[in-house]
């Protein structure tokens, strides 16, 4: 090979190598982006499932085990209707609706954050709302706990709203 031919071949070889490197970088970036999208979607789906399970548990905790939440079972008490009968699905939902608000917001936030850009902004706003609602629910829980001990019938607001009461087993 002459010097001119060697230089030309070296130039072509370098161009081929740079092209191969560039192609490899593009493939790695695309695979990384796809991986991030899958990871983000999978993470969001786990968040959605977790929030839905938590929300369902909170709303149905008295209905699932026929008036006995875990705490009620341990304390040998149960939820019944005002007439003394077994509670139905809507009784449990009404009794626990306020307590499910933060998990409902978490569920909504998890779904909305799947929307690119808008979901991020809405997610921040909903997360702040979830924090404020969480504090309000905590205050509500304290108020209801006090109400149970002060009410002559031992009813909390949620009992009155749902048409239920708690009795010994």
N, C-alpha and C. Protein backbone atom coordinates (compact mmCIF):
# COMPACT_ATOMS: atom_id res chain seq x y z
N UNK A 1 0.85 -1.18 0.00
CA UNK A 1 0.00 0.00 0.00
C UNK A 1 0.89 1.25 0.00
N UNK A 2 0.48 2.19 -0.81
CA UNK A 2 1.19 3.45 -0.84
C UNK A 2 0.70 4.30 0.31
N UNK A 3 1.38 5.34 0.58
CA UNK A 3 0.99 6.21 1.69
C UNK A 3 -0.39 6.80 1.48
N UNK A 4 -0.71 7.22 0.28
CA UNK A 4 -2.03 7.80 0.00
C UNK A 4 -3.11 6.74 0.17
N UNK A 5 -2.82 5.53 -0.34
CA UNK A 5 -3.78 4.43 -0.21
C UNK A 5 -3.94 4.03 1.25
N UNK A 6 -2.86 3.99 2.00
CA UNK A 6 -2.90 3.66 3.43
C UNK A 6 -3.71 4.70 4.19
N UNK A 7 -3.48 5.95 3.89
CA UNK A 7 -4.24 7.01 4.56
C UNK A 7 -5.73 6.91 4.25
N UNK A 8 -6.04 6.63 2.97
CA UNK A 8 -7.44 6.48 2.58
C UNK A 8 -8.08 5.31 3.32
N UNK A 9 -7.40 4.17 3.38
CA UNK A 9 -7.93 2.98 4.07
C UNK A 9 -8.07 3.23 5.58
N UNK A 10 -7.10 3.92 6.14
CA UNK A 10 -7.20 4.25 7.57
C UNK A 10 -8.39 5.16 7.83
N UNK A 11 -8.59 6.14 6.92
CA UNK A 11 -9.73 7.05 7.05
C UNK A 11 -11.05 6.27 6.98
N UNK A 12 -11.15 5.37 5.99
CA UNK A 12 -12.37 4.56 5.84
C UNK A 12 -12.55 3.65 7.06
N UNK A 13 -11.49 3.04 7.54
CA UNK A 13 -11.56 2.17 8.73
C UNK A 13 -12.03 2.96 9.95
N UNK A 14 -11.50 4.16 10.10
CA UNK A 14 -11.91 5.01 11.22
C UNK A 14 -13.38 5.38 11.10
N UNK A 15 -13.82 5.72 9.89
CA UNK A 15 -15.23 6.06 9.67
C UNK A 15 -16.12 4.86 10.00
N UNK A 16 -15.70 3.67 9.58
CA UNK A 16 -16.47 2.45 9.90
C UNK A 16 -16.51 2.24 11.40
N UNK A 17 -15.38 2.38 12.08
CA UNK A 17 -15.33 2.19 13.54
C UNK A 17 -16.21 3.21 14.25
N UNK A 18 -16.13 4.47 13.83
CA UNK A 18 -16.97 5.52 14.43
C UNK A 18 -18.44 5.21 14.17
N UNK A 19 -18.76 4.76 12.96
CA UNK A 19 -20.13 4.37 12.64
C UNK A 19 -20.61 3.23 13.53
N UNK A 20 -19.74 2.24 13.76
CA UNK A 20 -20.09 1.10 14.62
C UNK A 20 -20.31 1.57 16.06
N UNK A 21 -19.41 2.44 16.53
CA UNK A 21 -19.55 2.97 17.90
C UNK A 21 -20.84 3.78 18.01
N UNK A 22 -21.09 4.64 17.03
CA UNK A 22 -22.30 5.47 17.03
C UNK A 22 -23.55 4.59 17.02
N UNK A 23 -23.54 3.55 16.18
CA UNK A 23 -24.68 2.62 16.13
C UNK A 23 -24.87 1.93 17.47
N UNK A 24 -23.78 1.50 18.08
CA UNK A 24 -23.87 0.84 19.39
C UNK A 24 -24.42 1.80 20.44
N UNK A 25 -23.96 3.06 20.42
CA UNK A 25 -24.47 4.06 21.36
C UNK A 25 -25.97 4.26 21.15
N UNK A 26 -26.41 4.37 19.91
CA UNK A 26 -27.84 4.54 19.61
C UNK A 26 -28.63 3.35 20.15
N UNK A 27 -28.16 2.14 19.90
CA UNK A 27 -28.86 0.94 20.39
C UNK A 27 -28.93 0.95 21.92
N UNK A 28 -27.81 1.26 22.57
CA UNK A 28 -27.79 1.29 24.04
C UNK A 28 -28.74 2.35 24.58
N UNK A 29 -28.75 3.53 23.97
CA UNK A 29 -29.66 4.60 24.41
C UNK A 29 -31.11 4.18 24.22
N UNK A 30 -31.43 3.60 23.06
CA UNK A 30 -32.81 3.15 22.81
C UNK A 30 -33.22 2.07 23.81
N UNK A 31 -32.35 1.10 24.03
CA UNK A 31 -32.64 0.04 25.01
C UNK A 31 -32.81 0.65 26.40
N UNK A 32 -31.97 1.63 26.73
CA UNK A 32 -32.09 2.30 28.03
C UNK A 32 -33.40 3.05 28.16
N UNK A 33 -33.79 3.76 27.11
CA UNK A 33 -35.07 4.49 27.13
C UNK A 33 -36.23 3.51 27.28
N UNK A 34 -36.20 2.44 26.49
CA UNK A 34 -37.27 1.43 26.58
C UNK A 34 -37.29 0.83 27.99
N UNK A 35 -36.10 0.54 28.51
CA UNK A 35 -36.02 0.00 29.88
C UNK A 35 -36.59 0.96 30.91
N UNK A 36 -36.27 2.25 30.76
CA UNK A 36 -36.81 3.25 31.69
C UNK A 36 -38.32 3.36 31.57
N UNK A 37 -38.82 3.32 30.34
CA UNK A 37 -40.27 3.39 30.14
C UNK A 37 -40.94 2.17 30.78
N UNK A 38 -40.39 0.99 30.51
CA UNK A 38 -40.96 -0.23 31.09
C UNK A 38 -40.87 -0.18 32.61
N UNK A 39 -39.71 0.25 33.11
CA UNK A 39 -39.53 0.35 34.56
C UNK A 39 -40.50 1.35 35.17
N UNK A 40 -40.66 2.49 34.50
CA UNK A 40 -41.57 3.52 35.00
C UNK A 40 -43.01 3.02 34.98
N UNK A 41 -43.40 2.39 33.87
CA UNK A 41 -44.76 1.87 33.77
C UNK A 41 -44.97 0.76 34.79
N UNK A 42 -43.99 -0.14 34.91
CA UNK A 42 -44.11 -1.23 35.88
C UNK A 42 -44.18 -0.67 37.29
N UNK A 43 -43.34 0.32 37.58
CA UNK A 43 -43.39 0.96 38.90
C UNK A 43 -44.73 1.61 39.15
N UNK A 44 -45.26 2.27 38.12
CA UNK A 44 -46.58 2.89 38.26
C UNK A 44 -47.67 1.84 38.45
N UNK A 45 -47.58 0.74 37.73
CA UNK A 45 -48.57 -0.33 37.89
C UNK A 45 -48.53 -0.93 39.29
N UNK A 46 -47.32 -1.07 39.83
CA UNK A 46 -47.19 -1.56 41.21
C UNK A 46 -47.82 -0.55 42.18
N UNK A 47 -47.58 0.74 41.94
CA UNK A 47 -48.18 1.79 42.78
C UNK A 47 -49.70 1.75 42.67
N UNK A 48 -50.22 1.61 41.45
CA UNK A 48 -51.67 1.55 41.25
C UNK A 48 -52.25 0.34 41.96
N UNK A 49 -51.62 -0.81 41.80
CA UNK A 49 -52.12 -2.03 42.46
C UNK A 49 -52.06 -1.87 43.98
N UNK A 50 -50.96 -1.34 44.48
CA UNK A 50 -50.82 -1.15 45.93
C UNK A 50 -51.87 -0.20 46.48
N UNK A 51 -52.07 0.91 45.79
CA UNK A 51 -53.07 1.89 46.24
C UNK A 51 -54.48 1.30 46.17
N UNK A 52 -54.77 0.54 45.11
CA UNK A 52 -56.10 -0.08 44.97
C UNK A 52 -56.33 -1.12 46.07
N UNK A 53 -55.32 -1.91 46.36
CA UNK A 53 -55.44 -2.92 47.42
C UNK A 53 -55.65 -2.24 48.77
N UNK A 54 -54.85 -1.22 49.06
CA UNK A 54 -54.99 -0.50 50.32
C UNK A 54 -56.37 0.14 50.44
N UNK A 55 -56.80 0.79 49.38
CA UNK A 55 -58.10 1.45 49.38
C UNK A 55 -59.22 0.42 49.59
N UNK A 56 -59.13 -0.69 48.87
CA UNK A 56 -60.13 -1.75 49.03
C UNK A 56 -60.14 -2.32 50.43
N UNK A 57 -58.95 -2.53 51.00
CA UNK A 57 -58.88 -3.06 52.37
C UNK A 57 -59.52 -2.10 53.36
N UNK A 58 -59.20 -0.82 53.22
CA UNK A 58 -59.76 0.17 54.15
C UNK A 58 -61.28 0.21 54.02
N UNK A 59 -61.78 0.27 52.80
CA UNK A 59 -63.22 0.38 52.59
C UNK A 59 -63.97 -0.88 53.01
N UNK A 60 -63.36 -2.04 52.81
CA UNK A 60 -64.06 -3.31 53.04
C UNK A 60 -63.64 -4.03 54.31
N UNK A 61 -62.80 -3.41 55.13
CA UNK A 61 -62.22 -4.12 56.28
C UNK A 61 -63.25 -4.66 57.25
N UNK A 62 -64.40 -4.03 57.37
CA UNK A 62 -65.44 -4.54 58.27
C UNK A 62 -66.32 -5.58 57.58
N UNK A 63 -66.50 -5.46 56.27
CA UNK A 63 -67.39 -6.35 55.53
C UNK A 63 -66.74 -7.70 55.25
N UNK A 64 -65.46 -7.69 54.88
CA UNK A 64 -64.77 -8.91 54.45
C UNK A 64 -64.89 -10.01 55.49
N UNK A 65 -64.74 -9.66 56.74
CA UNK A 65 -64.77 -10.67 57.80
C UNK A 65 -66.01 -10.52 58.68
N UNK A 66 -67.11 -10.19 58.04
CA UNK A 66 -68.42 -10.15 58.69
C UNK A 66 -68.46 -9.29 59.95
N UNK A 67 -68.02 -8.04 59.81
CA UNK A 67 -68.11 -7.10 60.92
C UNK A 67 -66.90 -7.07 61.82
N UNK A 68 -65.90 -7.88 61.51
CA UNK A 68 -64.70 -7.94 62.36
C UNK A 68 -63.48 -7.46 61.60
N UNK A 69 -62.98 -6.29 61.95
CA UNK A 69 -61.66 -5.90 61.46
C UNK A 69 -60.66 -6.66 62.33
N UNK A 70 -59.39 -6.53 62.05
CA UNK A 70 -58.37 -7.23 62.85
C UNK A 70 -58.47 -6.79 64.31
N UNK A 71 -58.53 -5.48 64.53
CA UNK A 71 -58.61 -4.96 65.90
C UNK A 71 -59.89 -5.40 66.60
N UNK A 72 -61.00 -5.36 65.89
CA UNK A 72 -62.28 -5.77 66.51
C UNK A 72 -62.25 -7.25 66.86
N UNK A 73 -61.66 -8.06 65.99
CA UNK A 73 -61.56 -9.49 66.27
C UNK A 73 -60.75 -9.73 67.55
N UNK A 74 -59.63 -9.04 67.68
CA UNK A 74 -58.78 -9.21 68.86
C UNK A 74 -59.48 -8.73 70.14
N UNK A 75 -60.32 -7.70 70.00
CA UNK A 75 -61.02 -7.16 71.17
C UNK A 75 -62.40 -7.80 71.38
N UNK A 76 -62.73 -8.78 70.53
CA UNK A 76 -63.99 -9.53 70.64
C UNK A 76 -65.23 -8.63 70.55
N UNK A 77 -65.19 -7.73 69.58
CA UNK A 77 -66.33 -6.88 69.27
C UNK A 77 -66.58 -6.96 67.77
N UNK A 78 -67.75 -6.53 67.32
CA UNK A 78 -68.02 -6.56 65.89
C UNK A 78 -68.99 -5.46 65.50
N UNK A 79 -69.02 -5.15 64.22
CA UNK A 79 -69.91 -4.14 63.66
C UNK A 79 -71.20 -4.83 63.23
N UNK A 80 -72.32 -4.23 63.60
CA UNK A 80 -73.64 -4.71 63.17
C UNK A 80 -74.44 -3.51 62.69
N UNK A 81 -75.56 -3.77 62.05
CA UNK A 81 -76.45 -2.68 61.66
C UNK A 81 -77.12 -2.15 62.93
N UNK A 82 -77.78 -1.03 62.82
CA UNK A 82 -78.50 -0.47 63.98
C UNK A 82 -79.55 -1.45 64.49
N UNK A 83 -80.07 -2.29 63.59
CA UNK A 83 -81.07 -3.29 63.99
C UNK A 83 -80.42 -4.54 64.58
N UNK A 84 -79.09 -4.60 64.55
CA UNK A 84 -78.38 -5.74 65.14
C UNK A 84 -78.02 -6.83 64.15
N UNK A 85 -78.33 -6.64 62.87
CA UNK A 85 -78.03 -7.64 61.86
C UNK A 85 -76.63 -7.48 61.29
N UNK A 86 -76.24 -8.43 60.44
CA UNK A 86 -74.90 -8.35 59.83
C UNK A 86 -74.83 -7.17 58.85
N UNK A 87 -73.66 -6.57 58.79
CA UNK A 87 -73.49 -5.43 57.89
C UNK A 87 -73.34 -5.92 56.45
N UNK A 88 -73.68 -5.03 55.54
CA UNK A 88 -73.52 -5.32 54.11
C UNK A 88 -72.37 -4.48 53.57
N UNK A 89 -72.07 -4.68 52.31
CA UNK A 89 -70.95 -4.00 51.67
C UNK A 89 -71.00 -2.49 51.85
N UNK A 90 -72.14 -1.88 51.59
CA UNK A 90 -72.25 -0.42 51.67
C UNK A 90 -72.09 0.10 53.10
N UNK A 91 -72.45 -0.70 54.10
CA UNK A 91 -72.22 -0.28 55.48
C UNK A 91 -70.72 -0.09 55.71
N UNK A 92 -69.93 -1.08 55.27
CA UNK A 92 -68.48 -1.01 55.46
C UNK A 92 -67.88 0.16 54.68
N UNK A 93 -68.35 0.35 53.45
CA UNK A 93 -67.83 1.46 52.63
C UNK A 93 -68.13 2.80 53.31
N UNK A 94 -69.36 2.98 53.76
CA UNK A 94 -69.73 4.25 54.41
C UNK A 94 -68.95 4.45 55.71
N UNK A 95 -68.80 3.39 56.51
CA UNK A 95 -68.07 3.50 57.78
C UNK A 95 -66.62 3.94 57.58
N UNK A 96 -66.03 3.51 56.49
CA UNK A 96 -64.59 3.70 56.30
C UNK A 96 -64.23 4.66 55.18
N UNK A 97 -65.22 5.33 54.61
CA UNK A 97 -65.00 6.21 53.47
C UNK A 97 -63.99 7.32 53.77
N UNK A 98 -64.14 7.99 54.87
CA UNK A 98 -63.23 9.10 55.21
C UNK A 98 -61.80 8.58 55.34
N UNK A 99 -61.66 7.39 55.94
CA UNK A 99 -60.32 6.83 56.15
C UNK A 99 -59.65 6.39 54.85
N UNK A 100 -60.44 6.21 53.80
CA UNK A 100 -59.89 5.77 52.52
C UNK A 100 -59.47 6.94 51.63
N UNK A 101 -59.75 8.17 52.03
CA UNK A 101 -59.50 9.32 51.15
C UNK A 101 -58.04 9.43 50.72
N UNK A 102 -57.11 9.23 51.63
CA UNK A 102 -55.70 9.37 51.25
C UNK A 102 -55.30 8.27 50.26
N UNK A 103 -55.81 7.05 50.45
CA UNK A 103 -55.46 5.99 49.50
C UNK A 103 -56.16 6.20 48.17
N UNK A 104 -57.35 6.81 48.18
CA UNK A 104 -58.02 7.14 46.91
C UNK A 104 -57.21 8.19 46.14
N UNK A 105 -56.68 9.18 46.85
CA UNK A 105 -55.85 10.20 46.20
C UNK A 105 -54.56 9.57 45.69
N UNK A 106 -53.99 8.65 46.48
CA UNK A 106 -52.77 7.94 46.05
C UNK A 106 -53.06 7.16 44.77
N UNK A 107 -54.21 6.48 44.72
CA UNK A 107 -54.59 5.73 43.53
C UNK A 107 -54.72 6.66 42.32
N UNK A 108 -55.41 7.76 42.51
CA UNK A 108 -55.59 8.74 41.43
C UNK A 108 -54.23 9.30 40.98
N UNK A 109 -53.38 9.62 41.93
CA UNK A 109 -52.05 10.14 41.62
C UNK A 109 -51.25 9.12 40.81
N UNK A 110 -51.31 7.86 41.23
CA UNK A 110 -50.56 6.80 40.54
C UNK A 110 -51.04 6.62 39.10
N UNK A 111 -52.32 6.78 38.88
CA UNK A 111 -52.86 6.65 37.52
C UNK A 111 -52.48 7.87 36.67
N UNK A 112 -52.64 9.06 37.24
CA UNK A 112 -52.37 10.29 36.49
C UNK A 112 -50.90 10.45 36.14
N UNK A 113 -50.01 9.97 36.99
CA UNK A 113 -48.57 10.13 36.70
C UNK A 113 -48.13 9.30 35.49
N UNK A 114 -48.99 8.44 34.99
CA UNK A 114 -48.66 7.72 33.75
C UNK A 114 -48.70 8.65 32.54
N UNK A 115 -49.39 9.78 32.66
CA UNK A 115 -49.49 10.74 31.56
C UNK A 115 -48.19 11.56 31.53
N UNK A 116 -47.47 11.52 30.42
CA UNK A 116 -46.21 12.28 30.36
C UNK A 116 -46.43 13.77 30.63
N UNK A 117 -45.50 14.39 31.30
CA UNK A 117 -45.43 15.80 31.66
C UNK A 117 -46.62 16.25 32.51
N UNK A 118 -47.83 16.22 31.97
CA UNK A 118 -49.01 16.64 32.72
C UNK A 118 -49.15 15.80 33.99
N UNK A 119 -48.88 14.51 33.86
CA UNK A 119 -48.97 13.63 35.02
C UNK A 119 -47.99 14.00 36.11
N UNK A 120 -46.81 14.47 35.71
CA UNK A 120 -45.80 14.89 36.69
C UNK A 120 -46.28 16.10 37.47
N UNK A 121 -46.82 17.08 36.77
CA UNK A 121 -47.31 18.30 37.43
C UNK A 121 -48.51 17.96 38.32
N UNK A 122 -49.47 17.22 37.76
CA UNK A 122 -50.65 16.84 38.53
C UNK A 122 -50.25 15.96 39.71
N UNK A 123 -49.24 15.12 39.51
CA UNK A 123 -48.78 14.25 40.59
C UNK A 123 -48.26 15.03 41.78
N UNK A 124 -47.53 16.10 41.51
CA UNK A 124 -47.01 16.96 42.59
C UNK A 124 -48.17 17.61 43.34
N UNK A 125 -49.12 18.15 42.60
CA UNK A 125 -50.28 18.81 43.22
C UNK A 125 -51.08 17.80 44.04
N UNK A 126 -51.33 16.62 43.46
CA UNK A 126 -52.10 15.60 44.18
C UNK A 126 -51.35 15.06 45.40
N UNK A 127 -50.03 14.99 45.31
CA UNK A 127 -49.25 14.55 46.47
C UNK A 127 -49.37 15.54 47.62
N UNK A 128 -49.35 16.83 47.30
CA UNK A 128 -49.56 17.85 48.33
C UNK A 128 -50.97 17.74 48.91
N UNK A 129 -51.96 17.54 48.05
CA UNK A 129 -53.33 17.35 48.50
C UNK A 129 -53.44 16.11 49.38
N UNK A 130 -52.76 15.05 49.00
CA UNK A 130 -52.78 13.82 49.79
C UNK A 130 -52.22 14.07 51.19
N UNK A 131 -51.16 14.85 51.29
CA UNK A 131 -50.58 15.18 52.58
C UNK A 131 -51.57 15.95 53.45
N UNK A 132 -52.19 16.97 52.87
CA UNK A 132 -53.17 17.79 53.61
C UNK A 132 -54.37 16.94 54.03
N UNK A 133 -54.88 16.14 53.10
CA UNK A 133 -56.02 15.26 53.42
C UNK A 133 -55.61 14.24 54.48
N UNK A 134 -54.38 13.74 54.40
CA UNK A 134 -53.89 12.80 55.40
C UNK A 134 -53.91 13.41 56.80
N UNK A 135 -53.50 14.67 56.91
CA UNK A 135 -53.56 15.36 58.21
C UNK A 135 -55.00 15.53 58.67
N UNK A 136 -55.89 15.86 57.73
CA UNK A 136 -57.31 16.02 58.07
C UNK A 136 -57.91 14.69 58.52
N UNK A 137 -57.56 13.61 57.84
CA UNK A 137 -58.06 12.28 58.23
C UNK A 137 -57.53 11.90 59.60
N UNK A 138 -56.28 12.23 59.88
CA UNK A 138 -55.72 11.95 61.21
C UNK A 138 -56.49 12.72 62.28
N UNK A 139 -56.77 13.98 62.03
CA UNK A 139 -57.56 14.79 62.97
C UNK A 139 -58.96 14.20 63.13
N UNK A 140 -59.54 13.75 62.03
CA UNK A 140 -60.86 13.12 62.06
C UNK A 140 -60.84 11.85 62.92
N UNK A 141 -59.78 11.05 62.76
CA UNK A 141 -59.65 9.81 63.54
C UNK A 141 -59.56 10.11 65.03
N UNK A 142 -58.80 11.14 65.38
CA UNK A 142 -58.69 11.53 66.80
C UNK A 142 -60.05 11.99 67.30
N UNK A 143 -60.74 12.80 66.51
CA UNK A 143 -62.08 13.28 66.90
C UNK A 143 -63.04 12.10 67.07
N UNK A 144 -63.00 11.14 66.15
CA UNK A 144 -63.89 9.98 66.27
C UNK A 144 -63.54 9.13 67.49
N UNK A 145 -62.26 9.00 67.79
CA UNK A 145 -61.86 8.23 68.97
C UNK A 145 -62.40 8.89 70.24
N UNK A 146 -62.32 10.21 70.29
CA UNK A 146 -62.86 10.94 71.44
C UNK A 146 -64.38 10.78 71.48
N UNK A 147 -65.02 10.87 70.32
CA UNK A 147 -66.48 10.75 70.23
C UNK A 147 -66.95 9.39 70.76
N UNK A 148 -66.21 8.33 70.46
CA UNK A 148 -66.58 6.99 70.93
C UNK A 148 -66.66 6.96 72.45
N UNK A 149 -65.72 7.61 73.10
CA UNK A 149 -65.68 7.58 74.57
C UNK A 149 -66.66 8.57 75.20
N UNK A 150 -67.05 9.60 74.47
CA UNK A 150 -67.93 10.63 75.03
C UNK A 150 -69.41 10.40 74.69
N UNK A 151 -69.69 9.71 73.60
CA UNK A 151 -71.07 9.48 73.18
C UNK A 151 -71.73 8.45 74.10
N UNK A 152 -72.95 8.73 74.59
CA UNK A 152 -73.63 7.76 75.46
C UNK A 152 -73.82 6.39 74.78
N UNK A 153 -74.04 6.39 73.47
CA UNK A 153 -74.22 5.14 72.75
C UNK A 153 -72.89 4.57 72.24
N UNK A 154 -71.81 5.31 72.40
CA UNK A 154 -70.51 4.87 71.92
C UNK A 154 -70.40 4.91 70.40
N UNK A 155 -71.20 5.75 69.78
CA UNK A 155 -71.19 5.84 68.32
C UNK A 155 -70.22 6.91 67.85
N UNK A 156 -69.57 6.64 66.76
CA UNK A 156 -68.75 7.65 66.11
C UNK A 156 -69.53 8.17 64.91
N UNK A 157 -69.08 9.27 64.33
CA UNK A 157 -69.79 9.85 63.19
C UNK A 157 -69.98 8.83 62.08
N UNK A 158 -68.95 8.04 61.81
CA UNK A 158 -69.03 7.05 60.74
C UNK A 158 -70.09 6.00 61.01
N UNK A 159 -70.32 5.65 62.29
CA UNK A 159 -71.39 4.72 62.64
C UNK A 159 -72.75 5.32 62.27
N UNK A 160 -72.94 6.57 62.65
CA UNK A 160 -74.21 7.25 62.36
C UNK A 160 -74.42 7.35 60.85
N UNK A 161 -73.39 7.73 60.12
CA UNK A 161 -73.46 7.87 58.67
C UNK A 161 -73.79 6.54 58.00
N UNK A 162 -73.21 5.46 58.50
CA UNK A 162 -73.39 4.14 57.87
C UNK A 162 -74.59 3.37 58.43
N UNK A 163 -75.14 3.84 59.55
CA UNK A 163 -76.24 3.10 60.16
C UNK A 163 -75.76 1.83 60.84
N UNK A 164 -74.62 1.94 61.54
CA UNK A 164 -74.04 0.77 62.21
C UNK A 164 -73.73 1.10 63.66
N UNK A 165 -73.40 0.06 64.39
CA UNK A 165 -72.91 0.21 65.76
C UNK A 165 -71.99 -0.96 66.04
N UNK A 166 -71.24 -0.86 67.12
CA UNK A 166 -70.30 -1.92 67.49
C UNK A 166 -70.80 -2.55 68.78
N UNK A 167 -70.82 -3.89 68.79
CA UNK A 167 -71.32 -4.63 69.96
C UNK A 167 -70.30 -5.70 70.34
N UNK A 168 -70.47 -6.24 71.54
CA UNK A 168 -69.64 -7.38 71.95
C UNK A 168 -70.05 -8.61 71.14
N UNK A 169 -69.10 -9.50 70.93
CA UNK A 169 -69.43 -10.75 70.20
C UNK A 169 -70.13 -11.73 71.11
